[in-house]
Amino acid sequence: MNDNAYVQAQAMTIAQQLVGGTITQAVVAADGEYGDANFGFEVRLPSGETKTVWVLSDPEGNGAGFLEIEMP
């Protein structure tokens, strides 16, 4: 998948799973891969379901980035 297709796929995932939700809190996990801490946020959807979204990317910004959406 090329970069443009990847970006479009990520945008579609966000649109389908998170649009209409409300960010309710920031979250931090100190047990990330390689022992690094990860940060993200929780989203409460109109249905009442809550999803945790992890922000995954390197500080240099070498790529388009990635949001990992945890399903309950």
C-alpha atoms as a PDB file:
ATOM      1  CA  MET A   1       0.000   0.000   0.000  1.00  0.00           C
ATOM      2  CA  ASN A   2       1.473   3.379  -0.920  1.00  0.00           C
ATOM      3  CA  ASP A   3       1.529   6.362   1.468  1.00  0.00           C
ATOM      4  CA  ASN A   4      -1.574   8.025   0.013  1.00  0.00           C
ATOM      5  CA  ALA A   5      -3.615   4.808   0.189  1.00  0.00           C
ATOM      6  CA  TYR A   6      -2.408   4.251   3.759  1.00  0.00           C
ATOM      7  CA  VAL A   7      -3.458   7.759   4.804  1.00  0.00           C
ATOM      8  CA  GLN A   8      -6.883   7.288   3.189  1.00  0.00           C
ATOM      9  CA  ALA A   9      -7.340   3.924   4.941  1.00  0.00           C
ATOM     10  CA  GLN A  10      -6.454   5.454   8.327  1.00  0.00           C
ATOM     11  CA  ALA A  11      -8.861   8.356   7.753  1.00  0.00           C
ATOM     12  CA  MET A  12     -11.656   5.913   6.848  1.00  0.00           C
ATOM     13  CA  THR A  13     -11.046   3.893  10.020  1.00  0.00           C
ATOM     14  CA  ILE A  14     -11.255   7.042  12.139  1.00  0.00           C
ATOM     15  CA  ALA A  15     -14.421   8.167  10.353  1.00  0.00           C
ATOM     16  CA  GLN A  16     -16.118   4.794  10.819  1.00  0.00           C
ATOM     17  CA  GLN A  17     -15.126   4.188  14.431  1.00  0.00           C
ATOM     18  CA  LEU A  18     -14.663   7.532  16.176  1.00  0.00           C
ATOM     19  CA  VAL A  19     -16.544  10.389  14.494  1.00  0.00           C
ATOM     20  CA  GLY A  20     -19.369  11.573  16.728  1.00  0.00           C
ATOM     21  CA  GLY A  21     -17.579  10.462  19.883  1.00  0.00           C
ATOM     22  CA  THR A  22     -16.250  12.639  22.679  1.00  0.00           C
ATOM     23  CA  ILE A  23     -12.727  12.468  24.068  1.00  0.00           C
ATOM     24  CA  THR A  24     -13.221  11.892  27.786  1.00  0.00           C
ATOM     25  CA  GLN A  25      -9.679  11.532  29.108  1.00  0.00           C
ATOM     26  CA  ALA A  26      -6.013  11.175  28.305  1.00  0.00           C
ATOM     27  CA  VAL A  27      -4.376   7.832  29.093  1.00  0.00           C
ATOM     28  CA  VAL A  28      -0.776   6.699  29.579  1.00  0.00           C
ATOM     29  CA  ALA A  29       0.592   3.141  29.622  1.00  0.00           C
ATOM     30  CA  ALA A  30       4.124   2.625  30.891  1.00  0.00           C
ATOM     31  CA  ASP A  31       4.309  -0.917  29.489  1.00  0.00           C
ATOM     32  CA  GLY A  32       4.682  -0.178  25.784  1.00  0.00           C
ATOM     33  CA  GLU A  33       6.826  -2.133  23.384  1.00  0.00           C
ATOM     34  CA  TYR A  34      10.539  -1.959  24.295  1.00  0.00           C
ATOM     35  CA  GLY A  35       9.605  -0.595  27.744  1.00  0.00           C
ATOM     36  CA  ASP A  36       8.581   2.816  26.422  1.00  0.00           C
ATOM     37  CA  ALA A  37       5.507   4.619  27.694  1.00  0.00           C
ATOM     38  CA  ASN A  38       2.609   5.196  25.283  1.00  0.00           C
ATOM     39  CA  PHE A  39      -0.061   7.872  25.349  1.00  0.00           C
ATOM     40  CA  GLY A  40      -3.542   8.096  23.957  1.00  0.00           C
ATOM     41  CA  PHE A  41      -7.102   8.993  24.832  1.00  0.00           C
ATOM     42  CA  GLU A  42     -10.503   7.479  25.521  1.00  0.00           C
ATOM     43  CA  VAL A  43     -13.480   8.212  23.296  1.00  0.00           C
ATOM     44  CA  ARG A  44     -17.085   7.741  24.421  1.00  0.00           C
ATOM     45  CA  LEU A  45     -19.371   7.062  21.469  1.00  0.00           C
ATOM     46  CA  PRO A  46     -23.041   8.103  21.306  1.00  0.00           C
ATOM     47  CA  SER A  47     -23.933   4.410  21.886  1.00  0.00           C
ATOM     48  CA  GLY A  48     -22.218   4.597  25.302  1.00  0.00           C
ATOM     49  CA  GLU A  49     -19.340   2.390  24.181  1.00  0.00           C
ATOM     50  CA  THR A  50     -15.855   3.611  25.138  1.00  0.00           C
ATOM     51  CA  LYS A  51     -12.774   2.982  23.001  1.00  0.00           C
ATOM     52  CA  THR A  52      -9.144   3.566  23.901  1.00  0.00           C
ATOM     53  CA  VAL A  53      -7.074   5.109  21.118  1.00  0.00           C
ATOM     54  CA  TRP A  54      -3.266   4.898  21.243  1.00  0.00           C
ATOM     55  CA  VAL A  55      -1.194   7.450  19.346  1.00  0.00           C
ATOM     56  CA  LEU A  56       1.667   5.564  17.719  1.00  0.00           C
ATOM     57  CA  SER A  57       4.437   7.331  15.818  1.00  0.00           C
ATOM     58  CA  ASP A  58       8.047   8.235  16.301  1.00  0.00           C
ATOM     59  CA  PRO A  59       9.060  11.747  17.417  1.00  0.00           C
ATOM     60  CA  GLU A  60      10.846  12.417  14.136  1.00  0.00           C
ATOM     61  CA  GLY A  61       7.607  12.114  12.187  1.00  0.00           C
ATOM     62  CA  ASN A  62       9.097   9.771   9.608  1.00  0.00           C
ATOM     63  CA  GLY A  63       5.716   8.475   8.566  1.00  0.00           C
ATOM     64  CA  ALA A  64       2.061   9.323   8.512  1.00  0.00           C
ATOM     65  CA  GLY A  65       1.574   7.896  11.993  1.00  0.00           C
ATOM     66  CA  PHE A  66      -0.972   5.440  13.296  1.00  0.00           C
ATOM     67  CA  LEU A  67      -3.872   5.393  15.741  1.00  0.00           C
ATOM     68  CA  GLU A  68      -4.502   2.014  17.334  1.00  0.00           C
ATOM     69  CA  ILE A  69      -8.182   1.753  18.313  1.00  0.00           C
ATOM     70  CA  GLU A  70      -8.804  -0.848  21.017  1.00  0.00           C
ATOM     71  CA  MET A  71     -12.112  -2.624  20.770  1.00  0.00           C
ATOM     72  CA  PRO A  72     -13.788  -3.526  24.073  1.00  0.00           C
END
